[in-house]
């Protein structure tokens, strides 16, 4: 019994997105009948409507019905309001001593004995 109810609920959920496809297939299969019986533009054959007006009306009605149900579902739930404020970073005054003055007084008295004349690449004869 539970399996039957689960299958029925699953089927009802899965059928809903395919209603527009059902109307399109129904129109393709019964195009002549729809053009003769339900077409609004029967008196104007130069428009070549062939029942497309009826199809458009049904598709629009199903879309409006889906939108209405979606709106009613959204109205049930309260959507939280998010307030955004600009966050500014705090300004800190420097408490660290200024090391640039100390670094400027340092003098480099280092001298190296770099001899560039010692290394010669091998000569090709």
PDB file of N, CA and C in Angstrom:
ATOM      1  N   UNK A   1       0.822  -1.198   0.000  1.00  0.00           N
ATOM      2  CA  UNK A   1       0.000   0.000   0.000  1.00  0.00           C
ATOM      3  C   UNK A   1       0.862   1.256   0.000  1.00  0.00           C
ATOM      4  N   UNK A   2       1.943   1.234   0.776  1.00  0.00           N
ATOM      5  CA  UNK A   2       2.831   2.387   0.840  1.00  0.00           C
ATOM      6  C   UNK A   2       3.529   2.616  -0.495  1.00  0.00           C
ATOM      7  N   UNK A   3       3.905   1.523  -1.139  1.00  0.00           N
ATOM      8  CA  UNK A   3       4.561   1.650  -2.436  1.00  0.00           C
ATOM      9  C   UNK A   3       3.626   2.277  -3.457  1.00  0.00           C
ATOM     10  N   UNK A   4       2.371   1.902  -3.428  1.00  0.00           N
ATOM     11  CA  UNK A   4       1.402   2.459  -4.375  1.00  0.00           C
ATOM     12  C   UNK A   4       1.212   3.953  -4.138  1.00  0.00           C
ATOM     13  N   UNK A   5       1.142   4.355  -2.890  1.00  0.00           N
ATOM     14  CA  UNK A   5       0.995   5.781  -2.580  1.00  0.00           C
ATOM     15  C   UNK A   5       2.249   6.546  -2.986  1.00  0.00           C
ATOM     16  N   UNK A   6       3.417   5.968  -2.733  1.00  0.00           N
ATOM     17  CA  UNK A   6       4.674   6.614  -3.110  1.00  0.00           C
ATOM     18  C   UNK A   6       4.773   6.768  -4.622  1.00  0.00           C
ATOM     19  N   UNK A   7       4.381   5.739  -5.352  1.00  0.00           N
ATOM     20  CA  UNK A   7       4.418   5.814  -6.820  1.00  0.00           C
ATOM     21  C   UNK A   7       3.423   6.844  -7.330  1.00  0.00           C
ATOM     22  N   UNK A   8       2.253   6.898  -6.740  1.00  0.00           N
ATOM     23  CA  UNK A   8       1.244   7.874  -7.134  1.00  0.00           C
ATOM     24  C   UNK A   8       1.723   9.299  -6.877  1.00  0.00           C
ATOM     25  N   UNK A   9       2.315   9.538  -5.730  1.00  0.00           N
ATOM     26  CA  UNK A   9       2.839  10.875  -5.429  1.00  0.00           C
ATOM     27  C   UNK A   9       4.002  11.235  -6.348  1.00  0.00           C
ATOM     28  N   UNK A  10       4.882  10.298  -6.597  1.00  0.00           N
ATOM     29  CA  UNK A  10       5.998  10.540  -7.508  1.00  0.00           C
ATOM     30  C   UNK A  10       5.501  10.842  -8.920  1.00  0.00           C
ATOM     31  N   UNK A  11       4.521  10.087  -9.353  1.00  0.00           N
ATOM     32  CA  UNK A  11       3.944  10.318 -10.679  1.00  0.00           C
ATOM     33  C   UNK A  11       3.301  11.699 -10.763  1.00  0.00           C
ATOM     34  N   UNK A  12       2.585  12.112  -9.715  1.00  0.00           N
ATOM     35  CA  UNK A  12       1.927  13.425  -9.743  1.00  0.00           C
ATOM     36  C   UNK A  12       2.947  14.563  -9.753  1.00  0.00           C
ATOM     37  N   UNK A  13       4.081  14.351  -9.105  1.00  0.00           N
ATOM     38  CA  UNK A  13       5.129  15.373  -9.103  1.00  0.00           C
ATOM     39  C   UNK A  13       5.840  15.410 -10.457  1.00  0.00           C
ATOM     40  N   UNK A  14       6.018  14.259 -11.064  1.00  0.00           N
ATOM     41  CA  UNK A  14       6.742  14.190 -12.330  1.00  0.00           C
ATOM     42  C   UNK A  14       5.902  14.660 -13.520  1.00  0.00           C
ATOM     43  N   UNK A  15       4.585  14.575 -13.430  1.00  0.00           N
ATOM     44  CA  UNK A  15       3.721  14.932 -14.550  1.00  0.00           C
ATOM     45  C   UNK A  15       3.635  16.444 -14.729  1.00  0.00           C
ATOM     46  N   UNK A  16       3.710  17.170 -13.656  1.00  0.00           N
ATOM     47  CA  UNK A  16       3.493  18.614 -13.706  1.00  0.00           C
ATOM     48  C   UNK A  16       4.405  19.345 -14.702  1.00  0.00           C
ATOM     49  N   UNK A  17       5.713  19.080 -14.761  1.00  0.00           N
ATOM     50  CA  UNK A  17       6.552  19.795 -15.728  1.00  0.00           C
ATOM     51  C   UNK A  17       6.260  19.444 -17.190  1.00  0.00           C
ATOM     52  N   UNK A  18       5.583  18.337 -17.425  1.00  0.00           N
ATOM     53  CA  UNK A  18       5.352  17.892 -18.793  1.00  0.00           C
ATOM     54  C   UNK A  18       3.993  18.307 -19.356  1.00  0.00           C
ATOM     55  N   UNK A  19       3.287  19.198 -18.682  1.00  0.00           N
ATOM     56  CA  UNK A  19       1.966  19.596 -19.172  1.00  0.00           C
ATOM     57  C   UNK A  19       2.069  20.367 -20.482  1.00  0.00           C
ATOM     58  N   UNK A  20       3.050  21.253 -20.595  1.00  0.00           N
ATOM     59  CA  UNK A  20       3.206  21.995 -21.852  1.00  0.00           C
ATOM     60  C   UNK A  20       3.599  21.057 -22.985  1.00  0.00           C
ATOM     61  N   UNK A  21       4.451  20.095 -22.700  1.00  0.00           N
ATOM     62  CA  UNK A  21       4.818  19.114 -23.727  1.00  0.00           C
ATOM     63  C   UNK A  21       3.598  18.292 -24.134  1.00  0.00           C
ATOM     64  N   UNK A  22       2.741  17.990 -23.182  1.00  0.00           N
ATOM     65  CA  UNK A  22       1.512  17.259 -23.492  1.00  0.00           C
ATOM     66  C   UNK A  22       0.633  18.068 -24.442  1.00  0.00           C
ATOM     67  N   UNK A  23       0.495  19.374 -24.176  1.00  0.00           N
ATOM     68  CA  UNK A  23      -0.335  20.205 -25.057  1.00  0.00           C
ATOM     69  C   UNK A  23       0.264  20.315 -26.458  1.00  0.00           C
ATOM     70  N   UNK A  24       1.575  20.364 -26.560  1.00  0.00           N
ATOM     71  CA  UNK A  24       2.216  20.410 -27.878  1.00  0.00           C
ATOM     72  C   UNK A  24       2.004  19.110 -28.649  1.00  0.00           C
ATOM     73  N   UNK A  25       2.146  18.001 -27.975  1.00  0.00           N
ATOM     74  CA  UNK A  25       1.936  16.704 -28.627  1.00  0.00           C
ATOM     75  C   UNK A  25       0.471  16.543 -29.021  1.00  0.00           C
ATOM     76  N   UNK A  26      -0.422  16.948 -28.135  1.00  0.00           N
ATOM     77  CA  UNK A  26      -1.855  16.881 -28.428  1.00  0.00           C
ATOM     78  C   UNK A  26      -2.189  17.734 -29.652  1.00  0.00           C
ATOM     79  N   UNK A  27      -1.581  18.902 -29.746  1.00  0.00           N
ATOM     80  CA  UNK A  27      -1.820  19.778 -30.908  1.00  0.00           C
ATOM     81  C   UNK A  27      -1.320  19.125 -32.193  1.00  0.00           C
ATOM     82  N   UNK A  28      -0.144  18.509 -32.134  1.00  0.00           N
ATOM     83  CA  UNK A  28       0.395  17.867 -33.326  1.00  0.00           C
ATOM     84  C   UNK A  28      -0.472  16.691 -33.784  1.00  0.00           C
ATOM     85  N   UNK A  29      -0.987  15.938 -32.829  1.00  0.00           N
ATOM     86  CA  UNK A  29      -1.784  14.761 -33.184  1.00  0.00           C
ATOM     87  C   UNK A  29      -3.184  15.138 -33.698  1.00  0.00           C
ATOM     88  N   UNK A  30      -3.787  16.170 -33.109  1.00  0.00           N
ATOM     89  CA  UNK A  30      -5.158  16.542 -33.466  1.00  0.00           C
ATOM     90  C   UNK A  30      -5.229  17.923 -34.128  1.00  0.00           C
ATOM     91  N   UNK A  31      -4.257  18.263 -34.933  1.00  0.00           N
ATOM     92  CA  UNK A  31      -4.184  19.600 -35.526  1.00  0.00           C
ATOM     93  C   UNK A  31      -5.395  19.902 -36.409  1.00  0.00           C
ATOM     94  N   UNK A  32      -5.823  18.955 -37.221  1.00  0.00           N
ATOM     95  CA  UNK A  32      -6.971  19.192 -38.101  1.00  0.00           C
ATOM     96  C   UNK A  32      -8.244  19.427 -37.293  1.00  0.00           C
ATOM     97  N   UNK A  33      -8.482  18.614 -36.278  1.00  0.00           N
ATOM     98  CA  UNK A  33      -9.673  18.770 -35.446  1.00  0.00           C
ATOM     99  C   UNK A  33      -9.657  20.105 -34.703  1.00  0.00           C
ATOM    100  N   UNK A  34      -8.497  20.473 -34.144  1.00  0.00           N
ATOM    101  CA  UNK A  34      -8.393  21.744 -33.412  1.00  0.00           C
ATOM    102  C   UNK A  34      -8.605  22.915 -34.355  1.00  0.00           C
ATOM    103  N   UNK A  35      -8.069  22.834 -35.588  1.00  0.00           N
ATOM    104  CA  UNK A  35      -8.229  23.917 -36.550  1.00  0.00           C
ATOM    105  C   UNK A  35      -9.690  24.090 -36.961  1.00  0.00           C
ATOM    106  N   UNK A  36     -10.441  22.987 -37.053  1.00  0.00           N
ATOM    107  CA  UNK A  36     -11.846  23.081 -37.464  1.00  0.00           C
ATOM    108  C   UNK A  36     -12.759  23.513 -36.320  1.00  0.00           C
ATOM    109  N   UNK A  37     -12.478  23.039 -35.115  1.00  0.00           N
ATOM    110  CA  UNK A  37     -13.418  23.253 -34.015  1.00  0.00           C
ATOM    111  C   UNK A  37     -13.032  24.448 -33.134  1.00  0.00           C
ATOM    112  N   UNK A  38     -11.786  24.520 -32.700  1.00  0.00           N
ATOM    113  CA  UNK A  38     -11.398  25.503 -31.692  1.00  0.00           C
ATOM    114  C   UNK A  38     -10.724  26.754 -32.241  1.00  0.00           C
ATOM    115  N   UNK A  39     -10.359  26.788 -33.479  1.00  0.00           N
ATOM    116  CA  UNK A  39      -9.598  27.919 -34.028  1.00  0.00           C
ATOM    117  C   UNK A  39     -10.441  29.193 -34.019  1.00  0.00           C
ATOM    118  N   UNK A  40      -9.839  30.278 -33.595  1.00  0.00           N
ATOM    119  CA  UNK A  40     -10.514  31.577 -33.551  1.00  0.00           C
ATOM    120  C   UNK A  40     -10.543  32.213 -34.939  1.00  0.00           C
ATOM    121  N   UNK A  41      -9.507  31.966 -35.729  1.00  0.00           N
ATOM    122  CA  UNK A  41      -9.358  32.610 -37.036  1.00  0.00           C
ATOM    123  C   UNK A  41      -9.834  31.714 -38.178  1.00  0.00           C
ATOM    124  N   UNK A  42     -10.965  31.043 -38.009  1.00  0.00           N
ATOM    125  CA  UNK A  42     -11.500  30.197 -39.086  1.00  0.00           C
ATOM    126  C   UNK A  42     -11.929  31.028 -40.282  1.00  0.00           C
ATOM    127  N   UNK A  43     -12.409  32.241 -40.026  1.00  0.00           N
ATOM    128  CA  UNK A  43     -12.897  33.098 -41.102  1.00  0.00           C
ATOM    129  C   UNK A  43     -11.758  33.718 -41.909  1.00  0.00           C
ATOM    130  N   UNK A  44     -10.535  33.666 -41.382  1.00  0.00           N
ATOM    131  CA  UNK A  44      -9.385  34.278 -42.065  1.00  0.00           C
ATOM    132  C   UNK A  44      -8.370  33.192 -42.420  1.00  0.00           C
ATOM    133  N   UNK A  45      -8.576  32.457 -43.503  1.00  0.00           N
ATOM    134  CA  UNK A  45      -7.647  31.371 -43.852  1.00  0.00           C
ATOM    135  C   UNK A  45      -6.286  31.884 -44.332  1.00  0.00           C
ATOM    136  N   UNK A  46      -6.213  33.161 -44.729  1.00  0.00           N
ATOM    137  CA  UNK A  46      -4.939  33.701 -45.212  1.00  0.00           C
ATOM    138  C   UNK A  46      -3.909  33.820 -44.072  1.00  0.00           C
ATOM    139  N   UNK A  47      -4.361  33.765 -42.811  1.00  0.00           N
ATOM    140  CA  UNK A  47      -3.433  33.836 -41.672  1.00  0.00           C
ATOM    141  C   UNK A  47      -2.703  32.516 -41.441  1.00  0.00           C
ATOM    142  N   UNK A  48      -3.240  31.415 -41.983  1.00  0.00           N
ATOM    143  CA  UNK A  48      -2.661  30.079 -41.807  1.00  0.00           C
ATOM    144  C   UNK A  48      -2.440  29.767 -40.325  1.00  0.00           C
ATOM    145  N   UNK A  49      -3.451  30.045 -39.537  1.00  0.00           N
ATOM    146  CA  UNK A  49      -3.374  29.834 -38.085  1.00  0.00           C
ATOM    147  C   UNK A  49      -3.391  28.346 -37.762  1.00  0.00           C
ATOM    148  N   UNK A  50      -4.320  27.618 -38.350  1.00  0.00           N
ATOM    149  CA  UNK A  50      -4.446  26.169 -38.178  1.00  0.00           C
ATOM    150  C   UNK A  50      -4.491  25.748 -36.710  1.00  0.00           C
ATOM    151  N   UNK A  51      -5.103  26.540 -35.879  1.00  0.00           N
ATOM    152  CA  UNK A  51      -5.264  26.184 -34.472  1.00  0.00           C
ATOM    153  C   UNK A  51      -4.127  26.621 -33.572  1.00  0.00           C
ATOM    154  N   UNK A  52      -3.150  27.337 -34.086  1.00  0.00           N
ATOM    155  CA  UNK A  52      -2.034  27.797 -33.256  1.00  0.00           C
ATOM    156  C   UNK A  52      -2.506  28.796 -32.203  1.00  0.00           C
ATOM    157  N   UNK A  53      -3.565  29.509 -32.509  1.00  0.00           N
ATOM    158  CA  UNK A  53      -4.116  30.455 -31.539  1.00  0.00           C
ATOM    159  C   UNK A  53      -4.648  29.705 -30.314  1.00  0.00           C
ATOM    160  N   UNK A  54      -5.307  28.583 -30.551  1.00  0.00           N
ATOM    161  CA  UNK A  54      -5.829  27.772 -29.460  1.00  0.00           C
ATOM    162  C   UNK A  54      -4.682  27.184 -28.635  1.00  0.00           C
ATOM    163  N   UNK A  55      -3.635  26.719 -29.320  1.00  0.00           N
ATOM    164  CA  UNK A  55      -2.461  26.175 -28.628  1.00  0.00           C
ATOM    165  C   UNK A  55      -1.801  27.252 -27.779  1.00  0.00           C
ATOM    166  N   UNK A  56      -1.641  28.441 -28.328  1.00  0.00           N
ATOM    167  CA  UNK A  56      -1.015  29.534 -27.576  1.00  0.00           C
ATOM    168  C   UNK A  56      -1.854  29.898 -26.352  1.00  0.00           C
ATOM    169  N   UNK A  57      -3.170  29.882 -26.513  1.00  0.00           N
ATOM    170  CA  UNK A  57      -4.066  30.205 -25.395  1.00  0.00           C
ATOM    171  C   UNK A  57      -3.931  29.167 -24.279  1.00  0.00           C
ATOM    172  N   UNK A  58      -3.873  27.880 -24.653  1.00  0.00           N
ATOM    173  CA  UNK A  58      -3.745  26.821 -23.632  1.00  0.00           C
ATOM    174  C   UNK A  58      -2.394  26.884 -22.937  1.00  0.00           C
ATOM    175  N   UNK A  59      -1.322  27.126 -23.705  1.00  0.00           N
ATOM    176  CA  UNK A  59       0.009  27.218 -23.103  1.00  0.00           C
ATOM    177  C   UNK A  59       0.096  28.411 -22.154  1.00  0.00           C
ATOM    178  N   UNK A  60      -0.508  29.524 -22.555  1.00  0.00           N
ATOM    179  CA  UNK A  60      -0.497  30.710 -21.704  1.00  0.00           C
ATOM    180  C   UNK A  60      -1.299  30.462 -20.428  1.00  0.00           C
ATOM    181  N   UNK A  61      -2.415  29.764 -20.542  1.00  0.00           N
ATOM    182  CA  UNK A  61      -3.240  29.469 -19.370  1.00  0.00           C
ATOM    183  C   UNK A  61      -2.489  28.563 -18.384  1.00  0.00           C
ATOM    184  N   UNK A  62      -1.787  27.560 -18.906  1.00  0.00           N
ATOM    185  CA  UNK A  62      -1.026  26.683 -17.999  1.00  0.00           C
ATOM    186  C   UNK A  62       0.137  27.435 -17.346  1.00  0.00           C
ATOM    187  N   UNK A  63       0.767  28.315 -18.103  1.00  0.00           N
ATOM    188  CA  UNK A  63       1.870  29.102 -17.535  1.00  0.00           C
ATOM    189  C   UNK A  63       1.357  30.032 -16.430  1.00  0.00           C
ATOM    190  N   UNK A  64       0.205  30.668 -16.665  1.00  0.00           N
ATOM    191  CA  UNK A  64      -0.370  31.537 -15.643  1.00  0.00           C
ATOM    192  C   UNK A  64      -0.775  30.739 -14.406  1.00  0.00           C
ATOM    193  N   UNK A  65      -1.298  29.547 -14.613  1.00  0.00           N
ATOM    194  CA  UNK A  65      -1.689  28.699 -13.488  1.00  0.00           C
ATOM    195  C   UNK A  65      -0.465  28.310 -12.662  1.00  0.00           C
ATOM    196  N   UNK A  66       0.633  27.951 -13.330  1.00  0.00           N
ATOM    197  CA  UNK A  66       1.860  27.596 -12.622  1.00  0.00           C
ATOM    198  C   UNK A  66       2.412  28.800 -11.870  1.00  0.00           C
ATOM    199  N   UNK A  67       2.390  29.973 -12.498  1.00  0.00           N
ATOM    200  CA  UNK A  67       2.879  31.178 -11.832  1.00  0.00           C
ATOM    201  C   UNK A  67       2.023  31.507 -10.614  1.00  0.00           C
ATOM    202  N   UNK A  68       0.717  31.305 -10.741  1.00  0.00           N
ATOM    203  CA  UNK A  68      -0.185  31.587  -9.620  1.00  0.00           C
ATOM    204  C   UNK A  68       0.093  30.652  -8.452  1.00  0.00           C
ATOM    205  N   UNK A  69       0.310  29.378  -8.739  1.00  0.00           N
ATOM    206  CA  UNK A  69       0.600  28.443  -7.659  1.00  0.00           C
ATOM    207  C   UNK A  69       1.961  28.735  -7.029  1.00  0.00           C
ATOM    208  N   UNK A  70       2.919  29.131  -7.845  1.00  0.00           N
ATOM    209  CA  UNK A  70       4.230  29.481  -7.298  1.00  0.00           C
ATOM    210  C   UNK A  70       4.130  30.712  -6.400  1.00  0.00           C
ATOM    211  N   UNK A  71       3.355  31.710  -6.835  1.00  0.00           N
ATOM    212  CA  UNK A  71       3.178  32.914  -6.010  1.00  0.00           C
ATOM    213  C   UNK A  71       2.484  32.574  -4.698  1.00  0.00           C
ATOM    214  N   UNK A  72       1.487  31.685  -4.761  1.00  0.00           N
ATOM    215  CA  UNK A  72       0.786  31.320  -3.527  1.00  0.00           C
ATOM    216  C   UNK A  72       1.707  30.557  -2.581  1.00  0.00           C
ATOM    217  N   UNK A  73       2.599  29.759  -3.130  1.00  0.00           N
ATOM    218  CA  UNK A  73       3.567  29.049  -2.284  1.00  0.00           C
ATOM    219  C   UNK A  73       4.542  30.039  -1.656  1.00  0.00           C
ATOM    220  N   UNK A  74       4.997  31.007  -2.440  1.00  0.00           N
ATOM    221  CA  UNK A  74       5.936  31.992  -1.910  1.00  0.00           C
ATOM    222  C   UNK A  74       5.291  32.894  -0.875  1.00  0.00           C
ATOM    223  N   UNK A  75       3.988  33.156  -1.001  1.00  0.00           N
ATOM    224  CA  UNK A  75       3.310  34.007  -0.045  1.00  0.00           C
ATOM    225  C   UNK A  75       3.179  33.331   1.319  1.00  0.00           C
ATOM    226  N   UNK A  76       3.192  32.011   1.341  1.00  0.00           N
ATOM    227  CA  UNK A  76       3.086  31.291   2.597  1.00  0.00           C
ATOM    228  C   UNK A  76       4.327  31.477   3.462  1.00  0.00           C
ATOM    229  N   UNK A  77       5.468  31.616   2.827  1.00  0.00           N
ATOM    230  CA  UNK A  77       6.725  31.707   3.552  1.00  0.00           C
ATOM    231  C   UNK A  77       7.202  33.143   3.596  1.00  0.00           C
ATOM    232  N   UNK A  78       7.675  33.542   4.736  1.00  0.00           N
ATOM    233  CA  UNK A  78       8.179  34.895   4.895  1.00  0.00           C
ATOM    234  C   UNK A  78       9.628  34.934   4.438  1.00  0.00           C
ATOM    235  N   UNK A  79       9.928  35.849   3.568  1.00  0.00           N
ATOM    236  CA  UNK A  79      11.284  35.992   3.064  1.00  0.00           C
ATOM    237  C   UNK A  79      12.010  36.988   3.965  1.00  0.00           C
ATOM    238  N   UNK A  80      13.139  36.596   4.527  1.00  0.00           N
ATOM    239  CA  UNK A  80      13.838  37.513   5.427  1.00  0.00           C
ATOM    240  C   UNK A  80      14.433  38.691   4.673  1.00  0.00           C
ATOM    241  N   UNK A  81      14.411  39.834   5.325  1.00  0.00           N
ATOM    242  CA  UNK A  81      14.981  41.040   4.747  1.00  0.00           C
ATOM    243  C   UNK A  81      16.420  41.161   5.217  1.00  0.00           C
ATOM    244  N   UNK A  82      17.291  41.346   4.273  1.00  0.00           N
ATOM    245  CA  UNK A  82      18.707  41.461   4.592  1.00  0.00           C
ATOM    246  C   UNK A  82      19.104  42.922   4.429  1.00  0.00           C
ATOM    247  N   UNK A  83      19.661  43.482   5.482  1.00  0.00           N
ATOM    248  CA  UNK A  83      20.091  44.880   5.448  1.00  0.00           C
ATOM    249  C   UNK A  83      21.614  44.876   5.377  1.00  0.00           C
ATOM    250  N   UNK A  84      22.120  45.542   4.370  1.00  0.00           N
ATOM    251  CA  UNK A  84      23.566  45.612   4.186  1.00  0.00           C
ATOM    252  C   UNK A  84      24.047  47.015   4.544  1.00  0.00           C
ATOM    253  N   UNK A  85      25.088  47.070   5.323  1.00  0.00           N
ATOM    254  CA  UNK A  85      25.699  48.345   5.667  1.00  0.00           C
ATOM    255  C   UNK A  85      27.149  48.314   5.224  1.00  0.00           C
ATOM    256  N   UNK A  86      27.638  49.482   4.889  1.00  0.00           N
ATOM    257  CA  UNK A  86      29.024  49.567   4.467  1.00  0.00           C
ATOM    258  C   UNK A  86      29.918  49.422   5.692  1.00  0.00           C
ATOM    259  N   UNK A  87      30.861  48.527   5.607  1.00  0.00           N
ATOM    260  CA  UNK A  87      31.766  48.293   6.719  1.00  0.00           C
ATOM    261  C   UNK A  87      33.046  49.053   6.445  1.00  0.00           C
ATOM    262  N   UNK A  88      33.419  49.892   7.382  1.00  0.00           N
ATOM    263  CA  UNK A  88      34.662  50.645   7.216  1.00  0.00           C
ATOM    264  C   UNK A  88      35.701  50.068   8.161  1.00  0.00           C
ATOM    265  N   UNK A  89      36.916  50.038   7.702  1.00  0.00           N
ATOM    266  CA  UNK A  89      37.980  49.516   8.548  1.00  0.00           C
ATOM    267  C   UNK A  89      38.409  50.603   9.522  1.00  0.00           C
ATOM    268  N   UNK A  90      38.710  50.241  10.745  1.00  0.00           N
ATOM    269  CA  UNK A  90      39.113  51.253  11.726  1.00  0.00           C
ATOM    270  C   UNK A  90      40.481  51.823  11.379  1.00  0.00           C
ATOM    271  N   UNK A  91      40.673  53.069  11.687  1.00  0.00           N
ATOM    272  CA  UNK A  91      41.938  53.743  11.434  1.00  0.00           C
ATOM    273  C   UNK A  91      42.780  53.680  12.710  1.00  0.00           C
ATOM    274  N   UNK A  92      43.945  53.105  12.629  1.00  0.00           N
ATOM    275  CA  UNK A  92      44.838  53.000  13.774  1.00  0.00           C
ATOM    276  C   UNK A  92      45.982  53.979  13.610  1.00  0.00           C
ATOM    277  N   UNK A  93      46.315  54.628  14.681  1.00  0.00           N
ATOM    278  CA  UNK A  93      47.505  55.480  14.679  1.00  0.00           C
ATOM    279  C   UNK A  93      48.708  54.598  14.967  1.00  0.00           C
ATOM    280  N   UNK A  94      49.769  54.853  14.276  1.00  0.00           N
ATOM    281  CA  UNK A  94      50.950  54.024  14.413  1.00  0.00           C
ATOM    282  C   UNK A  94      51.604  54.263  15.771  1.00  0.00           C
ATOM    283  N   UNK A  95      51.863  53.177  16.485  1.00  0.00           N
ATOM    284  CA  UNK A  95      52.530  53.269  17.775  1.00  0.00           C
ATOM    285  C   UNK A  95      53.975  52.775  17.640  1.00  0.00           C
ATOM    286  N   UNK A  96      54.296  52.234  16.492  1.00  0.00           N
ATOM    287  CA  UNK A  96      55.630  51.683  16.265  1.00  0.00           C
ATOM    288  C   UNK A  96      56.607  52.827  15.975  1.00  0.00           C
ATOM    289  N   UNK A  97      57.837  52.698  16.410  1.00  0.00           N
ATOM    290  CA  UNK A  97      58.822  53.745  16.116  1.00  0.00           C
ATOM    291  C   UNK A  97      59.172  53.734  14.633  1.00  0.00           C
ATOM    292  N   UNK A  98      59.584  54.855  14.153  1.00  0.00           N
ATOM    293  CA  UNK A  98      59.945  55.003  12.751  1.00  0.00           C
ATOM    294  C   UNK A  98      61.367  54.496  12.560  1.00  0.00           C
ATOM    295  N   UNK A  99      61.516  53.323  11.943  1.00  0.00           N
ATOM    296  CA  UNK A  99      62.833  52.727  11.769  1.00  0.00           C
ATOM    297  C   UNK A  99      63.580  53.305  10.577  1.00  0.00           C
ATOM    298  N   UNK A 100      62.956  54.116   9.783  1.00  0.00           N
ATOM    299  CA  UNK A 100      63.655  54.682   8.628  1.00  0.00           C
ATOM    300  C   UNK A 100      64.749  55.638   9.079  1.00  0.00           C
ATOM    301  N   UNK A 101      64.529  56.322  10.172  1.00  0.00           N
ATOM    302  CA  UNK A 101      65.574  57.231  10.666  1.00  0.00           C
ATOM    303  C   UNK A 101      66.783  56.445  11.148  1.00  0.00           C
ATOM    304  N   UNK A 102      66.557  55.311  11.773  1.00  0.00           N
ATOM    305  CA  UNK A 102      67.659  54.484  12.255  1.00  0.00           C
ATOM    306  C   UNK A 102      68.399  53.875  11.077  1.00  0.00           C
ATOM    307  N   UNK A 103      67.676  53.431  10.059  1.00  0.00           N
ATOM    308  CA  UNK A 103      68.299  52.805   8.896  1.00  0.00           C
ATOM    309  C   UNK A 103      69.099  53.818   8.093  1.00  0.00           C
ATOM    310  N   UNK A 104      68.715  55.069   8.099  1.00  0.00           N
ATOM    311  CA  UNK A 104      69.451  56.075   7.326  1.00  0.00           C
ATOM    312  C   UNK A 104      70.814  56.369   7.947  1.00  0.00           C
ATOM    313  N   UNK A 105      70.927  56.178   9.251  1.00  0.00           N
ATOM    314  CA  UNK A 105      72.202  56.474   9.895  1.00  0.00           C
ATOM    315  C   UNK A 105      73.202  55.344   9.728  1.00  0.00           C
ATOM    316  N   UNK A 106      72.771  54.179   9.305  1.00  0.00           N
ATOM    317  CA  UNK A 106      73.677  53.039   9.115  1.00  0.00           C
ATOM    318  C   UNK A 106      74.515  53.275   7.877  1.00  0.00           C
ATOM    319  N   UNK A 107      75.817  53.043   8.005  1.00  0.00           N
ATOM    320  CA  UNK A 107      76.716  53.189   6.867  1.00  0.00           C
ATOM    321  C   UNK A 107      77.362  51.847   6.585  1.00  0.00           C
ATOM    322  N   UNK A 108      77.420  51.478   5.345  1.00  0.00           N
ATOM    323  CA  UNK A 108      77.990  50.210   4.944  1.00  0.00           C
ATOM    324  C   UNK A 108      79.475  50.417   4.668  1.00  0.00           C
ATOM    325  N   UNK A 109      80.322  49.902   5.537  1.00  0.00           N
ATOM    326  CA  UNK A 109      81.763  50.027   5.356  1.00  0.00           C
ATOM    327  C   UNK A 109      82.380  48.727   4.870  1.00  0.00           C
ATOM    328  N   UNK A 110      81.611  47.860   4.358  1.00  0.00           N
ATOM    329  CA  UNK A 110      82.086  46.550   3.928  1.00  0.00           C
ATOM    330  C   UNK A 110      82.747  46.698   2.567  1.00  0.00           C
ATOM    331  N   UNK A 111      83.880  46.107   2.436  1.00  0.00           N
ATOM    332  CA  UNK A 111      84.555  46.038   1.148  1.00  0.00           C
ATOM    333  C   UNK A 111      84.892  44.583   0.893  1.00  0.00           C
ATOM    334  N   UNK A 112      84.733  44.151  -0.318  1.00  0.00           N
ATOM    335  CA  UNK A 112      85.018  42.769  -0.661  1.00  0.00           C
ATOM    336  C   UNK A 112      86.192  42.690  -1.601  1.00  0.00           C
ATOM    337  N   UNK A 113      86.788  41.549  -1.676  1.00  0.00           N
ATOM    338  CA  UNK A 113      87.918  41.331  -2.566  1.00  0.00           C
ATOM    339  C   UNK A 113      87.448  40.554  -3.769  1.00  0.00           C
ATOM    340  N   UNK A 114      86.622  41.125  -4.557  1.00  0.00           N
ATOM    341  CA  UNK A 114      86.103  40.448  -5.731  1.00  0.00           C
ATOM    342  C   UNK A 114      87.056  40.711  -6.881  1.00  0.00           C
ATOM    343  N   UNK A 115      87.578  39.673  -7.409  1.00  0.00           N
ATOM    344  CA  UNK A 115      88.525  39.810  -8.507  1.00  0.00           C
ATOM    345  C   UNK A 115      87.879  39.227  -9.754  1.00  0.00           C
ATOM    346  N   UNK A 116      87.483  40.061 -10.653  1.00  0.00           N
ATOM    347  CA  UNK A 116      86.838  39.599 -11.865  1.00  0.00           C
ATOM    348  C   UNK A 116      87.841  39.090 -12.886  1.00  0.00           C
ATOM    349  N   UNK A 117      89.088  39.367 -12.693  1.00  0.00           N
ATOM    350  CA  UNK A 117      90.088  38.979 -13.670  1.00  0.00           C
ATOM    351  C   UNK A 117      90.528  37.531 -13.502  1.00  0.00           C
ATOM    352  N   UNK A 118      90.130  36.843 -12.426  1.00  0.00           N
ATOM    353  CA  UNK A 118      90.609  35.494 -12.196  1.00  0.00           C
ATOM    354  C   UNK A 118      89.907  34.450 -13.082  1.00  0.00           C
ATOM    355  N   UNK A 119      88.666  34.648 -13.337  1.00  0.00           N
ATOM    356  CA  UNK A 119      87.927  33.643 -14.106  1.00  0.00           C
ATOM    357  C   UNK A 119      87.853  34.037 -15.566  1.00  0.00           C
ATOM    358  N   UNK A 120      88.325  33.133 -16.419  1.00  0.00           N
ATOM    359  CA  UNK A 120      88.221  33.322 -17.857  1.00  0.00           C
ATOM    360  C   UNK A 120      87.586  32.089 -18.458  1.00  0.00           C
ATOM    361  N   UNK A 121      86.612  32.230 -19.310  1.00  0.00           N
ATOM    362  CA  UNK A 121      86.043  31.050 -19.952  1.00  0.00           C
ATOM    363  C   UNK A 121      87.053  30.423 -20.903  1.00  0.00           C
ATOM    364  N   UNK A 122      86.953  29.145 -21.161  1.00  0.00           N
ATOM    365  CA  UNK A 122      87.920  28.500 -22.039  1.00  0.00           C
ATOM    366  C   UNK A 122      87.843  29.054 -23.464  1.00  0.00           C
ATOM    367  N   UNK A 123      88.978  29.146 -24.076  1.00  0.00           N
ATOM    368  CA  UNK A 123      89.065  29.672 -25.433  1.00  0.00           C
ATOM    369  C   UNK A 123      88.972  28.523 -26.422  1.00  0.00           C
ATOM    370  N   UNK A 124      88.381  28.795 -27.525  1.00  0.00           N
ATOM    371  CA  UNK A 124      88.248  27.783 -28.563  1.00  0.00           C
ATOM    372  C   UNK A 124      89.309  28.071 -29.610  1.00  0.00           C
ATOM    373  N   UNK A 125      90.123  27.098 -29.883  1.00  0.00           N
ATOM    374  CA  UNK A 125      91.222  27.339 -30.798  1.00  0.00           C
ATOM    375  C   UNK A 125      90.952  26.798 -32.170  1.00  0.00           C
TER     376      UNK A 125
END
